[in-house]
Amino acid sequence: MFPRRAFSLSLALLGALLALPVSAHDRDRDDDNHRHGHHHGKGRDIPLVIGHRGASGYLPEHTLEAYSLAIQQGADYIEPDLVITKDGHLIARHEPNLIATTDVKDRPEFASRRRVMVVDGFPEEGFFASDFTLKEIKTLRAVQAFAERPQQYNGKFRIPTFKEVIDLAKKARRDTGRVIGIAPETKHPTWHQQLGLPLERPLVRALAEAGWDDRHAPVFIQSFEQGNLKQLNRMTHVRLIQLLDANDVKDDGTLDFTAPYDRPYDWTASGDPRLLSRTFAYLTTDAGLREVRQYADGISPWKRYIVGTTPIAGSNAPGEAARKLAPATDLIKRAHKLGLVVQTWTFRNEARRLPADYGNDPAKEYKQFYELGIDGVFSDFPDTAVKARKEWLRGQR
């Protein structure tokens, strides 16, 4: 579908909208003037399209090629998840365990590295970035983690460092004339601290070296953990986003908070009864949102916090296609009232990931969230998100 040479880092300008990042960074503001997106003159901002792990619906995730394709497709930001090597280099991987997203299990020279580690309280077997030097990581190649997605690019692309992702975004700006932002996510920061390989200082240092260390930089740092963001709030002026997870949606439409997707892991690790009595849902209450605004600029909840689903009786459709939409919540409105940005994830094109109301048309899902006032969407298929945004904007005129 995509010739290999199409993913050179010389990017074509495809005419996507400019990303104009703006935000105050006093963390405790009381107005709604700092939502970041594109202003389109009707009192609302144009939502950002963020390439989730790059254009990961088409190419192996977290590769320079996937990020490049996302930019070519019109994404405003690209999202590198960050883990760290044993010699202290930040690399872009969805998890510290490399088994599902690289060819490491097929490399006999690394067979002895396979082991079980406890990550956020749960044992998992595999190959962990913290057991490899950057030089060794660079011998690995990325693979597609989703079986239903194109597999022909497996083994072709390297694992990038965070610096390489920053350099790519900067080069893309020069090549396209568009501001291309990055949305790094710190993966399992408490776990990394327990290993003696904390993520915070290398992350802040890399941004400072890039000149992207103030509130106007085209950067927002995301984390599921609260302590990590509070620490970063003391270390950098870059915008910060609190991620909100859940395990699943119950048949009654309420969210399921089964560990380890029940609460920020630093709350669990603290042993504090007050924090152990909470789930991520606490941070969507008015009190929780007021707490978030003390150290962050916004929230990024799983989209089911905003639009839930319930089962369709008798449906045999796969996955979310067997569910129907529930009425939207007021989370976006309440967060905006406190001056918090709201982004959400993850938007995907596959039929089994689309509730039945959308009629197997992913554009309908984007347009619903755009209409609800979302500030940014994380998409595996940025081209679909950008096209839907253009259609939605035409309807706003």
Protein backbone atom coordinates (compact mmCIF):
# COMPACT_ATOMS: atom_id res chain seq x y z
CA MET A 1 0.00 0.00 0.00
CA PHE A 2 2.83 2.41 0.83
CA PRO A 3 6.15 2.17 -1.00
CA ARG A 4 9.12 2.23 1.36
CA ARG A 5 10.59 5.36 -0.18
CA ALA A 6 7.42 7.29 0.64
CA PHE A 7 8.52 7.55 4.24
CA SER A 8 11.65 9.58 3.82
CA LEU A 9 11.88 12.40 6.31
CA SER A 10 11.49 14.98 3.53
CA LEU A 11 7.82 15.71 4.14
CA ALA A 12 5.25 17.00 1.67
CA LEU A 13 2.97 19.87 2.60
CA LEU A 14 -0.57 18.52 2.43
CA GLY A 15 -2.32 21.71 3.44
CA ALA A 16 -3.42 20.75 6.93
CA LEU A 17 -4.35 23.54 9.33
CA LEU A 18 -1.77 25.38 11.39
CA ALA A 19 -1.26 24.31 14.99
CA LEU A 20 -0.98 27.37 17.18
CA PRO A 21 -0.12 26.19 20.71
CA VAL A 22 -1.02 28.68 23.41
CA SER A 23 -1.34 28.20 27.13
CA ALA A 24 -0.74 29.99 30.37
CA HIS A 25 1.31 28.01 32.80
CA ASP A 26 0.30 29.33 36.16
CA ARG A 27 -1.54 25.98 36.55
CA ASP A 28 -4.25 27.64 38.64
CA ARG A 29 -6.09 29.87 36.24
CA ASP A 30 -9.76 30.70 36.39
CA ASP A 31 -10.60 31.37 32.77
CA ASP A 32 -11.11 29.47 29.54
CA ASN A 33 -8.77 31.52 27.38
CA HIS A 34 -5.94 29.01 27.19
CA ARG A 35 -7.36 26.02 25.45
CA HIS A 36 -4.90 25.13 22.73
CA GLY A 37 -5.92 24.38 19.20
CA HIS A 38 -6.64 26.43 16.12
CA HIS A 39 -8.94 29.40 16.52
CA HIS A 40 -11.55 29.60 13.78
CA GLY A 41 -13.34 32.77 14.63
CA LYS A 42 -16.57 31.46 16.15
CA GLY A 43 -15.53 31.44 19.78
CA ARG A 44 -14.31 27.85 19.63
CA ASP A 45 -10.98 26.28 18.90
CA ILE A 46 -10.33 23.81 16.15
CA PRO A 47 -9.47 20.48 17.82
CA LEU A 48 -5.99 19.13 17.40
CA VAL A 49 -5.36 15.85 15.60
CA ILE A 50 -2.64 13.91 17.39
CA GLY A 51 -0.99 10.97 15.63
CA HIS A 52 -1.34 8.22 18.25
CA ARG A 53 2.05 6.48 18.25
CA GLY A 54 2.33 8.01 14.79
CA ALA A 55 0.05 6.79 11.99
CA SER A 56 0.01 3.45 13.76
CA GLY A 57 -3.00 2.16 11.86
CA TYR A 58 -0.79 1.90 8.80
CA LEU A 59 2.79 1.37 9.96
CA PRO A 60 4.51 -0.16 13.00
CA GLU A 61 3.98 2.23 15.90
CA HIS A 62 6.56 4.57 17.40
CA THR A 63 8.85 4.66 14.39
CA LEU A 64 10.12 7.72 12.55
CA GLU A 65 8.29 6.40 9.50
CA ALA A 66 4.96 6.20 11.38
CA TYR A 67 5.43 9.69 12.80
CA SER A 68 6.38 11.01 9.35
CA LEU A 69 3.27 9.50 7.79
CA ALA A 70 1.09 11.05 10.52
CA ILE A 71 2.56 14.46 9.69
CA GLN A 72 2.05 13.90 5.96
CA GLN A 73 -1.58 13.04 6.70
CA GLY A 74 -2.07 16.36 8.48
CA ALA A 75 -1.56 15.53 12.17
CA ASP A 76 -0.78 18.59 14.29
CA TYR A 77 1.05 16.62 16.98
CA ILE A 78 2.75 13.26 17.17
CA GLU A 79 2.82 11.15 20.32
CA PRO A 80 5.99 9.36 21.47
CA ASP A 81 5.51 7.11 24.49
CA LEU A 82 8.77 7.12 26.46
CA VAL A 83 10.67 4.35 28.22
CA ILE A 84 14.38 4.25 29.04
CA THR A 85 17.37 2.04 28.30
CA LYS A 86 19.73 0.77 30.97
CA ASP A 87 22.28 3.39 29.91
CA GLY A 88 19.78 6.21 30.37
CA HIS A 89 18.50 6.97 26.88
CA LEU A 90 14.82 7.76 26.29
CA ILE A 91 13.33 5.73 23.45
CA ALA A 92 9.86 5.67 21.90
CA ARG A 93 8.00 2.49 22.84
CA HIS A 94 4.46 1.95 24.09
CA GLU A 95 5.69 -0.22 26.96
CA PRO A 96 9.02 -1.10 28.57
CA ASN A 97 8.33 -4.68 27.47
CA LEU A 98 9.53 -4.90 23.87
CA ILE A 99 8.12 -8.34 23.05
CA ALA A 100 5.00 -7.23 21.16
CA THR A 101 6.37 -4.26 19.20
CA THR A 102 9.86 -5.37 18.12
CA ASP A 103 11.52 -8.47 16.67
CA VAL A 104 13.50 -9.07 19.88
CA LYS A 105 11.94 -12.49 20.50
CA ASP A 106 13.37 -13.65 17.17
CA ARG A 107 16.90 -12.50 17.99
CA PRO A 108 18.92 -15.44 19.37
CA GLU A 109 21.62 -13.12 20.68
CA PHE A 110 19.10 -11.70 23.15
CA ALA A 111 17.34 -14.93 24.16
CA SER A 112 18.92 -14.84 27.62
CA ARG A 113 17.35 -11.43 28.31
CA ARG A 114 13.85 -12.90 28.41
CA ARG A 115 12.48 -12.73 31.94
CA VAL A 116 9.50 -11.96 34.13
CA MET A 117 9.23 -8.50 35.67
CA VAL A 118 6.50 -7.06 37.86
CA VAL A 119 5.17 -3.91 36.19
CA ASP A 120 2.73 -1.82 38.24
CA GLY A 121 2.03 -4.79 40.46
CA PHE A 122 1.48 -7.40 37.74
CA PRO A 123 4.04 -9.94 36.47
CA GLU A 124 4.70 -10.05 32.76
CA GLU A 125 7.17 -12.00 30.68
CA GLY A 126 9.23 -10.50 27.92
CA PHE A 127 12.23 -8.37 27.06
CA PHE A 128 12.52 -5.04 28.86
CA ALA A 129 14.15 -1.88 27.55
CA SER A 130 15.89 -1.36 30.89
CA ASP A 131 17.94 -4.53 30.21
CA PHE A 132 19.31 -3.17 26.92
CA THR A 133 21.78 -0.46 25.96
CA LEU A 134 20.80 2.02 23.28
CA LYS A 135 23.33 0.42 20.94
CA GLU A 136 21.53 -2.91 21.37
CA ILE A 137 18.11 -1.30 20.95
CA LYS A 138 19.27 0.13 17.65
CA THR A 139 19.83 -3.40 16.30
CA LEU A 140 16.13 -4.23 16.82
CA ARG A 141 13.37 -3.54 14.32
CA ALA A 142 9.75 -2.59 14.93
CA VAL A 143 6.79 -4.85 14.20
CA GLN A 144 3.04 -4.19 13.94
CA ALA A 145 1.37 -5.04 17.25
CA PHE A 146 -2.16 -5.43 15.84
CA ALA A 147 -2.77 -8.62 13.87
CA GLU A 148 -5.44 -7.08 11.61
CA ARG A 149 -3.16 -4.27 10.46
CA PRO A 150 -0.53 -4.33 7.69
CA GLN A 151 2.32 -6.69 8.52
CA GLN A 152 4.51 -6.14 5.46
CA TYR A 153 6.59 -3.44 7.17
CA ASN A 154 7.68 -5.66 10.05
CA GLY A 155 11.42 -5.68 10.49
CA LYS A 156 12.02 -2.59 8.33
CA PHE A 157 12.09 0.32 10.80
CA ARG A 158 14.37 1.16 13.72
CA ILE A 159 13.44 2.17 17.26
CA PRO A 160 13.87 5.96 17.59
CA THR A 161 15.25 7.93 20.50
CA PHE A 162 13.27 10.82 21.93
CA LYS A 163 15.83 13.23 20.46
CA GLU A 164 15.25 11.76 17.01
CA VAL A 165 11.51 12.34 17.39
CA ILE A 166 12.11 15.96 18.38
CA ASP A 167 14.46 16.42 15.43
CA LEU A 168 11.83 14.92 13.12
CA ALA A 169 9.16 17.36 14.33
CA LYS A 170 11.50 20.31 13.88
CA LYS A 171 12.50 19.19 10.39
CA ALA A 172 8.85 18.71 9.50
CA ARG A 173 8.18 22.31 10.47
CA ARG A 174 10.95 23.48 8.16
CA ASP A 175 9.72 21.27 5.33
CA THR A 176 6.00 22.00 5.62
CA GLY A 177 5.78 25.44 7.18
CA ARG A 178 3.45 23.99 9.81
CA VAL A 179 4.11 23.87 13.53
CA ILE A 180 4.38 20.18 14.41
CA GLY A 181 4.05 19.46 18.11
CA ILE A 182 4.98 16.48 20.23
CA ALA A 183 2.99 14.85 23.02
CA PRO A 184 5.44 12.65 24.96
CA GLU A 185 3.92 10.27 27.51
CA THR A 186 5.94 9.06 30.46
CA LYS A 187 5.28 5.32 30.72
CA HIS A 188 5.21 3.75 34.20
CA PRO A 189 7.20 6.54 35.89
CA THR A 190 6.98 5.06 39.41
CA TRP A 191 8.19 1.70 38.11
CA HIS A 192 11.09 3.39 36.34
CA GLN A 193 11.98 5.28 39.51
CA GLN A 194 11.99 2.00 41.43
CA LEU A 195 14.46 0.63 38.87
CA GLY A 196 16.74 3.61 39.47
CA LEU A 197 16.04 4.87 35.94
CA PRO A 198 13.73 7.87 36.44
CA LEU A 199 12.29 9.44 33.31
CA GLU A 200 11.78 13.00 34.48
CA ARG A 201 15.26 14.51 34.32
CA PRO A 202 16.22 13.05 30.92
CA LEU A 203 12.88 14.23 29.53
CA VAL A 204 13.23 17.77 30.83
CA ARG A 205 16.85 17.92 29.70
CA ALA A 206 15.98 16.78 26.16
CA LEU A 207 13.28 19.44 25.86
CA ALA A 208 15.60 22.13 27.22
CA GLU A 209 18.31 21.17 24.72
CA ALA A 210 15.70 21.49 21.96
CA GLY A 211 14.67 24.93 23.20
CA TRP A 212 11.22 23.54 23.95
CA ASP A 213 11.05 24.19 27.68
CA ASP A 214 8.48 26.97 28.07
CA ARG A 215 4.72 27.18 28.06
CA HIS A 216 4.65 28.31 24.43
CA ALA A 217 6.57 25.28 23.17
CA PRO A 218 4.65 22.91 20.86
CA VAL A 219 4.79 20.26 23.58
CA PHE A 220 2.54 18.74 26.16
CA ILE A 221 3.70 15.97 28.48
CA GLN A 222 1.17 13.31 29.43
CA SER A 223 1.09 10.84 32.29
CA PHE A 224 -1.38 8.49 33.95
CA GLU A 225 0.39 9.14 37.25
CA GLN A 226 -0.21 12.20 39.38
CA GLY A 227 3.07 12.34 41.30
CA ASN A 228 5.00 12.29 38.03
CA LEU A 229 3.13 15.34 36.77
CA LYS A 230 3.50 17.17 40.07
CA GLN A 231 7.25 16.59 39.91
CA LEU A 232 7.39 17.77 36.29
CA ASN A 233 5.39 20.86 37.25
CA ARG A 234 8.31 21.83 39.49
CA MET A 235 10.87 21.08 36.77
CA THR A 236 9.46 22.55 33.56
CA HIS A 237 7.05 25.15 32.19
CA VAL A 238 5.90 22.83 29.39
CA ARG A 239 2.17 22.08 29.43
CA LEU A 240 1.12 18.97 31.33
CA ILE A 241 -1.84 16.66 30.77
CA GLN A 242 -3.35 14.19 33.27
CA LEU A 243 -4.37 10.95 31.55
CA LEU A 244 -7.41 9.10 32.91
CA ASP A 245 -7.82 5.38 32.37
CA ALA A 246 -10.36 2.64 33.08
CA ASN A 247 -10.39 -1.08 32.35
CA ASP A 248 -13.65 -1.45 30.43
CA VAL A 249 -17.32 -0.49 30.29
CA LYS A 250 -19.81 -2.62 32.22
CA ASP A 251 -23.08 -3.77 30.75
CA ASP A 252 -24.91 -1.07 32.73
CA GLY A 253 -22.78 1.56 31.03
CA THR A 254 -20.64 2.40 34.07
CA LEU A 255 -16.87 2.17 33.91
CA ASP A 256 -15.01 -0.85 35.23
CA PHE A 257 -11.99 -0.02 37.38
CA THR A 258 -10.12 -3.31 37.56
CA ALA A 259 -6.41 -3.04 38.42
CA PRO A 260 -4.03 -1.99 37.03
CA TYR A 261 -6.36 0.41 35.22
CA ASP A 262 -8.14 1.49 38.40
CA ARG A 263 -6.09 4.47 39.58
CA PRO A 264 -2.74 6.19 39.04
CA TYR A 265 -0.14 3.60 40.01
CA ASP A 266 1.65 6.03 42.30
CA TRP A 267 -1.55 6.14 44.37
CA THR A 268 -1.51 2.35 44.64
CA ALA A 269 2.21 2.25 45.45
CA SER A 270 1.78 4.90 48.16
CA GLY A 271 -0.33 2.68 50.40
CA ASP A 272 -2.20 5.84 51.47
CA PRO A 273 -5.76 4.79 52.44
CA ARG A 274 -7.15 8.08 51.13
CA LEU A 275 -5.64 7.51 47.68
CA LEU A 276 -6.48 3.80 47.71
CA SER A 277 -10.13 4.72 48.21
CA ARG A 278 -10.14 6.60 44.89
CA THR A 279 -10.18 5.55 41.26
CA PHE A 280 -9.37 7.58 38.16
CA ALA A 281 -13.03 8.64 38.23
CA TYR A 282 -12.29 10.91 41.19
CA LEU A 283 -10.27 13.15 38.90
CA THR A 284 -13.37 13.74 36.75
CA THR A 285 -15.36 15.15 39.68
CA ASP A 286 -15.38 18.89 40.23
CA ALA A 287 -13.09 18.44 43.25
CA GLY A 288 -10.76 16.23 41.23
CA LEU A 289 -10.65 18.67 38.33
CA ARG A 290 -9.79 21.49 40.72
CA GLU A 291 -6.97 19.29 42.05
CA VAL A 292 -5.67 18.62 38.54
CA ARG A 293 -5.54 22.32 37.68
CA GLN A 294 -3.05 22.86 40.51
CA TYR A 295 -0.34 20.96 38.61
CA ALA A 296 -1.54 20.43 35.01
CA ASP A 297 -3.12 22.22 32.09
CA GLY A 298 -5.66 19.62 31.11
CA ILE A 299 -7.01 16.10 31.19
CA SER A 300 -7.00 13.33 28.62
CA PRO A 301 -9.64 10.80 29.62
CA TRP A 302 -10.47 7.61 27.76
CA LYS A 303 -13.33 8.57 25.45
CA ARG A 304 -15.82 6.41 27.38
CA TYR A 305 -15.73 9.02 30.17
CA ILE A 306 -17.25 11.41 27.62
CA VAL A 307 -19.52 9.13 25.58
CA GLY A 308 -20.34 5.78 27.13
CA THR A 309 -21.83 2.63 25.63
CA THR A 310 -24.26 -0.14 26.55
CA PRO A 311 -24.82 -3.59 24.98
CA ILE A 312 -27.28 -4.17 22.15
CA ALA A 313 -29.51 -7.08 23.12
CA GLY A 314 -28.93 -10.11 20.92
CA SER A 315 -26.10 -8.58 18.90
CA ASN A 316 -23.41 -10.94 17.66
CA ALA A 317 -21.22 -8.18 16.26
CA PRO A 318 -17.58 -8.14 17.36
CA GLY A 319 -16.22 -5.80 20.02
CA GLU A 320 -17.76 -2.36 20.33
CA ALA A 321 -19.92 -2.95 17.25
CA ALA A 322 -22.20 -4.90 19.61
CA ARG A 323 -22.79 -1.78 21.72
CA LYS A 324 -24.78 1.42 21.34
CA LEU A 325 -23.96 4.92 22.50
CA ALA A 326 -25.14 6.38 25.78
CA PRO A 327 -25.87 10.12 26.16
CA ALA A 328 -22.74 12.26 26.41
CA THR A 329 -21.58 13.36 29.85
CA ASP A 330 -20.83 16.95 30.84
CA LEU A 331 -17.15 16.29 31.54
CA ILE A 332 -15.84 18.50 28.72
CA LYS A 333 -18.06 21.40 29.78
CA ARG A 334 -17.09 21.14 33.45
CA ALA A 335 -13.36 20.88 32.67
CA HIS A 336 -13.52 23.86 30.32
CA LYS A 337 -15.28 25.89 32.97
CA LEU A 338 -12.16 25.43 35.10
CA GLY A 339 -9.86 26.36 32.21
CA LEU A 340 -8.66 22.82 31.58
CA VAL A 341 -7.97 21.46 28.10
CA VAL A 342 -9.69 18.14 27.28
CA GLN A 343 -8.22 15.62 24.86
CA THR A 344 -9.34 12.02 24.38
CA TRP A 345 -8.31 8.67 22.91
CA THR A 346 -8.08 6.40 20.97
CA PHE A 347 -9.86 6.77 17.63
CA ARG A 348 -9.55 3.82 15.25
CA ASN A 349 -11.14 2.86 11.95
CA GLU A 350 -11.73 -0.86 12.42
CA ALA A 351 -15.39 -1.88 12.54
CA ARG A 352 -15.03 -3.79 15.80
CA ARG A 353 -13.86 -0.59 17.50
CA LEU A 354 -16.88 1.48 16.45
CA PRO A 355 -20.19 1.35 18.36
CA ALA A 356 -23.13 0.48 16.13
CA ASP A 357 -24.55 4.05 16.05
CA TYR A 358 -21.69 5.16 13.84
CA GLY A 359 -22.72 2.74 11.09
CA ASN A 360 -19.12 1.65 10.55
CA ASP A 361 -18.22 5.23 9.62
CA PRO A 362 -15.34 6.48 11.80
CA ALA A 363 -15.94 10.07 10.63
CA LYS A 364 -19.20 10.10 12.60
CA GLU A 365 -17.34 9.42 15.82
CA TYR A 366 -14.86 12.24 15.25
CA LYS A 367 -17.64 14.68 14.36
CA GLN A 368 -19.55 13.81 17.53
CA PHE A 369 -16.53 14.58 19.69
CA TYR A 370 -15.67 17.71 17.71
CA GLU A 371 -19.22 18.92 18.25
CA LEU A 372 -18.99 18.20 21.98
CA GLY A 373 -16.07 20.64 22.18
CA ILE A 374 -13.09 18.30 22.48
CA ASP A 375 -9.70 20.04 22.23
CA GLY A 376 -7.75 17.13 20.76
CA VAL A 377 -8.17 13.56 19.53
CA PHE A 378 -5.56 10.83 19.50
CA SER A 379 -5.95 8.81 16.32
CA ASP A 380 -4.24 5.76 14.83
CA PHE A 381 -5.54 7.01 11.47
CA PRO A 382 -4.75 10.74 11.35
CA ASP A 383 -5.90 11.09 7.74
CA THR A 384 -9.42 10.04 8.76
CA ALA A 385 -9.38 12.46 11.70
CA VAL A 386 -8.19 15.37 9.53
CA LYS A 387 -10.73 14.68 6.79
CA ALA A 388 -13.56 14.47 9.35
CA ARG A 389 -12.37 17.73 10.91
CA LYS A 390 -12.45 19.51 7.57
CA GLU A 391 -15.98 18.23 6.91
CA TRP A 392 -17.09 19.28 10.39
CA LEU A 393 -15.61 22.75 9.97
CA ARG A 394 -17.44 23.21 6.65
CA GLY A 395 -20.64 22.47 8.52
CA GLN A 396 -19.79 25.16 11.10
CA ARG A 397 -19.75 27.98 8.55
